[in-house]
Protein backbone atom coordinates (compact mmCIF):
# COMPACT_ATOMS: atom_id res chain seq x y z
CA UNK A 1 -78.36 23.97 -90.40
CA UNK A 2 -75.70 21.95 -88.23
CA UNK A 3 -72.38 21.73 -90.47
CA UNK A 4 -70.34 18.79 -90.32
CA UNK A 5 -67.20 18.61 -91.79
CA UNK A 6 -66.45 14.40 -91.06
CA UNK A 7 -64.83 13.21 -93.94
CA UNK A 8 -66.43 10.57 -96.29
CA UNK A 9 -65.16 7.20 -95.47
CA UNK A 10 -64.06 4.13 -97.77
CA UNK A 11 -63.50 0.62 -96.86
CA UNK A 12 -61.23 1.07 -93.90
CA UNK A 13 -57.79 -0.59 -93.53
CA UNK A 14 -58.15 -3.13 -91.20
CA UNK A 15 -55.53 -1.49 -88.56
CA UNK A 16 -57.04 1.85 -89.34
CA UNK A 17 -60.62 3.52 -87.45
CA UNK A 18 -63.89 3.71 -88.52
CA UNK A 19 -64.30 7.39 -87.71
CA UNK A 20 -67.70 7.30 -88.78
CA UNK A 21 -70.33 5.27 -87.36
CA UNK A 22 -73.10 6.57 -88.21
CA UNK A 23 -75.90 3.59 -89.10
CA UNK A 24 -73.79 0.75 -87.72
CA UNK A 25 -75.74 1.05 -84.25
CA UNK A 26 -76.81 -2.53 -84.40
CA UNK A 27 -73.47 -3.75 -84.40
CA UNK A 28 -71.73 -1.84 -81.02
CA UNK A 29 -72.03 -4.81 -78.17
CA UNK A 30 -73.07 -2.70 -75.19
CA UNK A 31 -73.49 -5.87 -72.50
CA UNK A 32 -70.31 -6.00 -70.33
CA UNK A 33 -70.92 -9.90 -70.14
CA UNK A 34 -70.49 -10.02 -73.82
CA UNK A 35 -67.08 -7.21 -73.85
CA UNK A 36 -65.31 -8.78 -71.54
CA UNK A 37 -66.29 -12.45 -73.41
CA UNK A 38 -64.34 -10.53 -76.78
CA UNK A 39 -61.27 -9.35 -74.75
CA UNK A 40 -60.74 -12.70 -73.11
CA UNK A 41 -61.07 -14.05 -76.87
CA UNK A 42 -58.22 -12.08 -77.97
CA UNK A 43 -55.88 -12.97 -75.38
CA UNK A 44 -56.92 -16.33 -76.39
CA UNK A 45 -55.68 -16.15 -79.96
CA UNK A 46 -53.42 -13.43 -79.41
CA UNK A 47 -54.54 -10.66 -81.61
CA UNK A 48 -52.86 -7.76 -82.16
CA UNK A 49 -54.18 -4.42 -82.46
CA UNK A 50 -53.64 -1.10 -83.33
CA UNK A 51 -53.43 1.29 -80.22
CA UNK A 52 -53.89 4.82 -82.20
CA UNK A 53 -53.11 7.84 -79.70
CA UNK A 54 -54.54 10.64 -81.55
CA UNK A 55 -53.46 12.07 -85.17
CA UNK A 56 -51.79 9.93 -87.62
CA UNK A 57 -49.85 8.46 -84.27
CA UNK A 58 -50.40 4.61 -83.34
CA UNK A 59 -48.53 1.21 -81.99
CA UNK A 60 -49.10 -2.33 -81.93
CA UNK A 61 -50.69 -4.06 -79.17
CA UNK A 62 -52.08 -6.71 -77.44
CA UNK A 63 -54.51 -7.62 -74.18
CA UNK A 64 -52.18 -8.54 -71.73
CA UNK A 65 -55.38 -9.59 -69.33
CA UNK A 66 -59.07 -8.54 -68.13
CA UNK A 67 -60.44 -8.01 -64.75
CA UNK A 68 -64.09 -7.91 -63.88
CA UNK A 69 -63.40 -6.64 -60.68
CA UNK A 70 -61.37 -4.29 -60.77
CA UNK A 71 -63.19 -2.86 -64.04
CA UNK A 72 -59.52 -2.96 -65.35
CA UNK A 73 -57.57 -4.20 -68.82
CA UNK A 74 -54.16 -4.50 -69.51
CA UNK A 75 -52.77 -3.52 -72.57
CA UNK A 76 -48.87 -3.93 -74.01
CA UNK A 77 -47.12 -0.75 -73.98
CA UNK A 78 -45.46 0.66 -77.08
CA UNK A 79 -41.41 0.01 -77.46
CA UNK A 80 -40.88 3.33 -78.42
CA UNK A 81 -40.56 6.20 -74.86
CA UNK A 82 -41.74 8.60 -76.63
CA UNK A 83 -45.23 7.07 -77.97
CA UNK A 84 -45.38 5.53 -74.58
CA UNK A 85 -45.29 8.88 -73.12
CA UNK A 86 -48.11 10.16 -75.35
CA UNK A 87 -50.26 7.20 -75.01
CA UNK A 88 -50.25 8.35 -71.30
CA UNK A 89 -50.77 11.78 -71.90
CA UNK A 90 -53.85 10.52 -73.98
CA UNK A 91 -57.72 11.18 -72.70
CA UNK A 92 -58.27 7.48 -74.38
CA UNK A 93 -56.97 5.06 -77.23
CA UNK A 94 -58.94 3.53 -79.57
CA UNK A 95 -57.82 0.17 -80.40
CA UNK A 96 -58.77 -1.80 -83.31
CA UNK A 97 -57.85 -5.27 -84.37
CA UNK A 98 -59.57 -8.39 -86.47
CA UNK A 99 -60.76 -11.57 -84.44
CA UNK A 100 -61.86 -14.71 -86.31
CA UNK A 101 -61.84 -12.38 -89.43
CA UNK A 102 -64.18 -9.70 -87.60
CA UNK A 103 -62.74 -6.34 -87.43
CA UNK A 104 -63.11 -5.34 -83.52
CA UNK A 105 -62.85 -1.34 -82.53
CA UNK A 106 -62.92 0.31 -78.91
CA UNK A 107 -61.81 2.46 -76.96
CA UNK A 108 -60.80 3.12 -73.30
CA UNK A 109 -60.07 5.65 -71.07
CA UNK A 110 -58.48 6.75 -67.91
CA UNK A 111 -54.96 5.38 -68.89
CA UNK A 112 -52.08 4.50 -66.38
CA UNK A 113 -48.56 2.95 -66.43
CA UNK A 114 -48.15 -0.69 -64.28
CA UNK A 115 -45.42 -3.00 -64.39
CA UNK A 116 -46.23 -6.84 -65.45
CA UNK A 117 -43.25 -8.96 -64.60
CA UNK A 118 -40.87 -5.38 -64.75
CA UNK A 119 -41.79 -4.87 -67.80
CA UNK A 120 -44.05 -1.39 -68.54
CA UNK A 121 -47.61 -2.08 -69.52
CA UNK A 122 -51.03 0.29 -69.24
CA UNK A 123 -53.65 0.16 -67.19
CA UNK A 124 -57.10 1.41 -67.79
CA UNK A 125 -60.99 1.08 -67.56
CA UNK A 126 -62.42 -1.82 -69.38
CA UNK A 127 -64.44 -0.55 -72.61
CA UNK A 128 -68.28 0.39 -71.95
CA UNK A 129 -68.66 -0.90 -75.92
CA UNK A 130 -67.47 -2.81 -79.16
CA UNK A 131 -67.22 -2.66 -82.46
CA UNK A 132 -67.69 -5.42 -84.32
CA UNK A 133 -68.11 -4.97 -88.60
CA UNK A 134 -67.83 -7.75 -91.03
CA UNK A 135 -66.09 -6.36 -94.53
CA UNK A 136 -69.39 -6.13 -95.85
CA UNK A 137 -71.69 -4.14 -92.83
CA UNK A 138 -69.10 -1.21 -93.24
CA UNK A 139 -68.05 -1.03 -96.93
CA UNK A 140 -68.77 2.25 -98.98
CA UNK A 141 -69.05 1.69 -102.57
CA UNK A 142 -68.68 4.73 -103.93
CA UNK A 143 -71.47 4.73 -106.97
CA UNK A 144 -70.14 5.33 -110.68
CA UNK A 145 -72.42 8.94 -112.19
CA UNK A 146 -72.82 7.16 -115.41
CA UNK A 147 -75.37 4.90 -113.19
CA UNK A 148 -77.71 7.98 -111.98
CA UNK A 149 -78.60 6.37 -109.02
CA UNK A 150 -80.77 9.05 -106.98
CA UNK A 151 -82.66 9.45 -103.54
CA UNK A 152 -86.28 11.22 -103.83
CA UNK A 153 -86.90 13.26 -100.50
CA UNK A 154 -90.66 14.52 -100.60
CA UNK A 155 -91.26 17.64 -99.71
CA UNK A 156 -91.17 19.00 -95.90
CA UNK A 157 -94.39 18.92 -93.98
CA UNK A 158 -96.89 21.35 -94.58
CA UNK A 159 -95.12 22.46 -97.34
CA UNK A 160 -96.72 23.05 -100.80
CA UNK A 161 -92.48 22.69 -102.47
CA UNK A 162 -91.62 19.59 -104.29
CA UNK A 163 -89.67 17.04 -103.40
CA UNK A 164 -85.88 16.60 -103.92
CA UNK A 165 -84.30 14.69 -106.06
CA UNK A 166 -80.97 13.76 -104.71
CA UNK A 167 -77.87 12.15 -106.44
CA UNK A 168 -75.70 9.10 -104.77
CA UNK A 169 -72.23 9.46 -104.23
CA UNK A 170 -71.50 6.43 -102.34
CA UNK A 171 -73.81 3.62 -100.88
CA UNK A 172 -73.25 0.84 -98.26
CA UNK A 173 -76.19 -1.14 -96.47
CA UNK A 174 -76.84 1.03 -92.91
CA UNK A 175 -76.63 4.06 -95.06
CA UNK A 176 -75.86 6.27 -98.21
CA UNK A 177 -74.29 9.90 -98.64
CA UNK A 178 -76.22 12.35 -101.51
CA UNK A 179 -75.20 15.84 -103.14
CA UNK A 180 -78.27 18.37 -103.20
CA UNK A 181 -77.62 21.97 -103.63
CA UNK A 182 -78.48 24.46 -100.48
CA UNK A 183 -82.12 25.52 -100.47
CA UNK A 184 -83.55 22.95 -102.12
CA UNK A 185 -84.92 20.77 -99.04
CA UNK A 186 -84.15 22.01 -95.43
CA UNK A 187 -82.86 19.42 -93.35
CA UNK A 188 -81.35 19.18 -89.89
CA UNK A 189 -79.40 16.70 -88.17
CA UNK A 190 -81.32 13.93 -86.08
CA UNK A 191 -84.31 14.44 -88.38
CA UNK A 192 -85.96 10.84 -89.64
CA UNK A 193 -87.54 11.59 -93.66
CA UNK A 194 -89.95 8.86 -94.22
CA UNK A 195 -91.62 8.31 -97.75
CA UNK A 196 -88.03 8.21 -99.69
CA UNK A 197 -87.53 6.23 -102.59
CA UNK A 198 -83.66 4.76 -103.66
CA UNK A 199 -84.14 4.19 -106.96
CA UNK A 200 -80.59 1.17 -108.11
CA UNK A 201 -80.61 -0.02 -111.88
CA UNK A 202 -82.96 -2.46 -113.61
CA UNK A 203 -85.21 -2.39 -109.98
CA UNK A 204 -88.09 -1.08 -108.48
CA UNK A 205 -87.42 1.59 -106.41
CA UNK A 206 -87.42 1.21 -102.43
CA UNK A 207 -89.51 3.28 -99.78
CA UNK A 208 -87.04 4.30 -97.59
CA UNK A 209 -87.18 6.18 -93.89
CA UNK A 210 -83.51 7.55 -93.68
CA UNK A 211 -82.34 9.55 -91.03
CA UNK A 212 -80.00 12.13 -91.20
CA UNK A 213 -77.08 11.71 -89.49
CA UNK A 214 -74.75 14.73 -90.79
CA UNK A 215 -74.59 17.86 -93.60
CA UNK A 216 -71.45 18.88 -94.93
CA UNK A 217 -70.97 22.41 -97.04
CA UNK A 218 -69.18 21.55 -100.23
CA UNK A 219 -67.63 24.08 -102.85
CA UNK A 220 -67.23 23.46 -106.27
CA UNK A 221 -64.31 24.08 -108.28
CA UNK A 222 -66.89 26.76 -110.43
CA UNK A 223 -67.71 28.34 -107.28
CA UNK A 224 -71.14 26.71 -106.58
CA UNK A 225 -71.75 24.88 -103.27
CA UNK A 226 -73.79 22.03 -102.39
CA UNK A 227 -74.14 19.94 -99.59
CA UNK A 228 -73.35 16.51 -99.18
CA UNK A 229 -75.52 14.64 -96.32
CA UNK A 230 -74.81 11.44 -94.89
CA UNK A 231 -77.99 9.44 -94.28
CA UNK A 232 -78.87 6.29 -92.41
CA UNK A 233 -81.51 3.83 -93.57
CA UNK A 234 -84.14 3.57 -90.89
CA UNK A 235 -85.74 -0.03 -90.24
CA UNK A 236 -84.69 -0.79 -93.40
CA UNK A 237 -86.27 -4.33 -94.99
CA UNK A 238 -84.32 -7.44 -95.01
CA UNK A 239 -85.41 -7.42 -98.90
CA UNK A 240 -84.04 -4.58 -99.33
CA UNK A 241 -80.71 -4.87 -97.75
CA UNK A 242 -80.29 -7.59 -99.72
CA UNK A 243 -80.94 -5.76 -103.30
CA UNK A 244 -78.89 -3.47 -102.51
CA UNK A 245 -76.07 -5.72 -101.17
CA UNK A 246 -76.80 -7.31 -104.76
CA UNK A 247 -76.42 -3.94 -106.02
CA UNK A 248 -73.40 -3.12 -104.83
CA UNK A 249 -71.40 -6.81 -105.23
CA UNK A 250 -72.55 -6.43 -108.90
CA UNK A 251 -70.99 -2.75 -109.45
CA UNK A 252 -68.02 -3.75 -107.41
CA UNK A 253 -67.47 -6.53 -109.58
CA UNK A 254 -67.55 -4.53 -113.22
CA UNK A 255 -65.56 -2.01 -111.52
CA UNK A 256 -62.82 -4.61 -110.89
CA UNK A 257 -63.15 -6.32 -114.18
CA UNK A 258 -62.82 -3.24 -116.13
CA UNK A 259 -59.91 -2.28 -114.35
CA UNK A 260 -58.32 -6.17 -114.88
CA UNK A 261 -59.38 -5.48 -118.60
CA UNK A 262 -57.21 -1.93 -118.84
CA UNK A 263 -54.09 -3.27 -117.17
């Protein structure tokens, strides 16, 4: 079984990159004309962005120019010499910003130093894709244990064994993370599991197909193991997405009211 140790992600601050893009394919733009247009809009709106080098190192930058004929983008350099040197050594920069209140994220490669009006800048290749996300599209709700939200997975193909009920620990409009004991149901990364059922509070169960995106083995304080499995909703009907959105909104409001009431 493939094991992926990617961390569980919740709502990501605007200046931090979305590390786990599982289930977000439909929000990724790959058309060159669209990409150049968004970059130009960032220039026109003077959008500030965070340029992440690697680890926790980042600096505030801007898109200075786009040169489609040369397949080049020009970025403002860091005023800190050490950070600037690290940026030049990096194989890529991961840039995050907001344009019209929508998160924009892209990576650039082929970084080298140039000079613009006597000031250092960075020249790189135009990104091949851009992630555009509104808050509702990447927010993941940590599901309260008391809600008992669960996904039922059917038996494996050709198996006469029972299905598997997995507790949902976080949920978004694009997917969910669940916990299951090892060996209960064999799953592999990339597998699409049809005929799954998601149970929400006071609602009819939703029938969904789920794609397995990551599998992470965890050890509980008592020494027993469990698997945290990241699932993406496959071809989910709009009506089902609306019901999940409503559950997330109502639960978030309930949690906020309880928190404020305890102040």
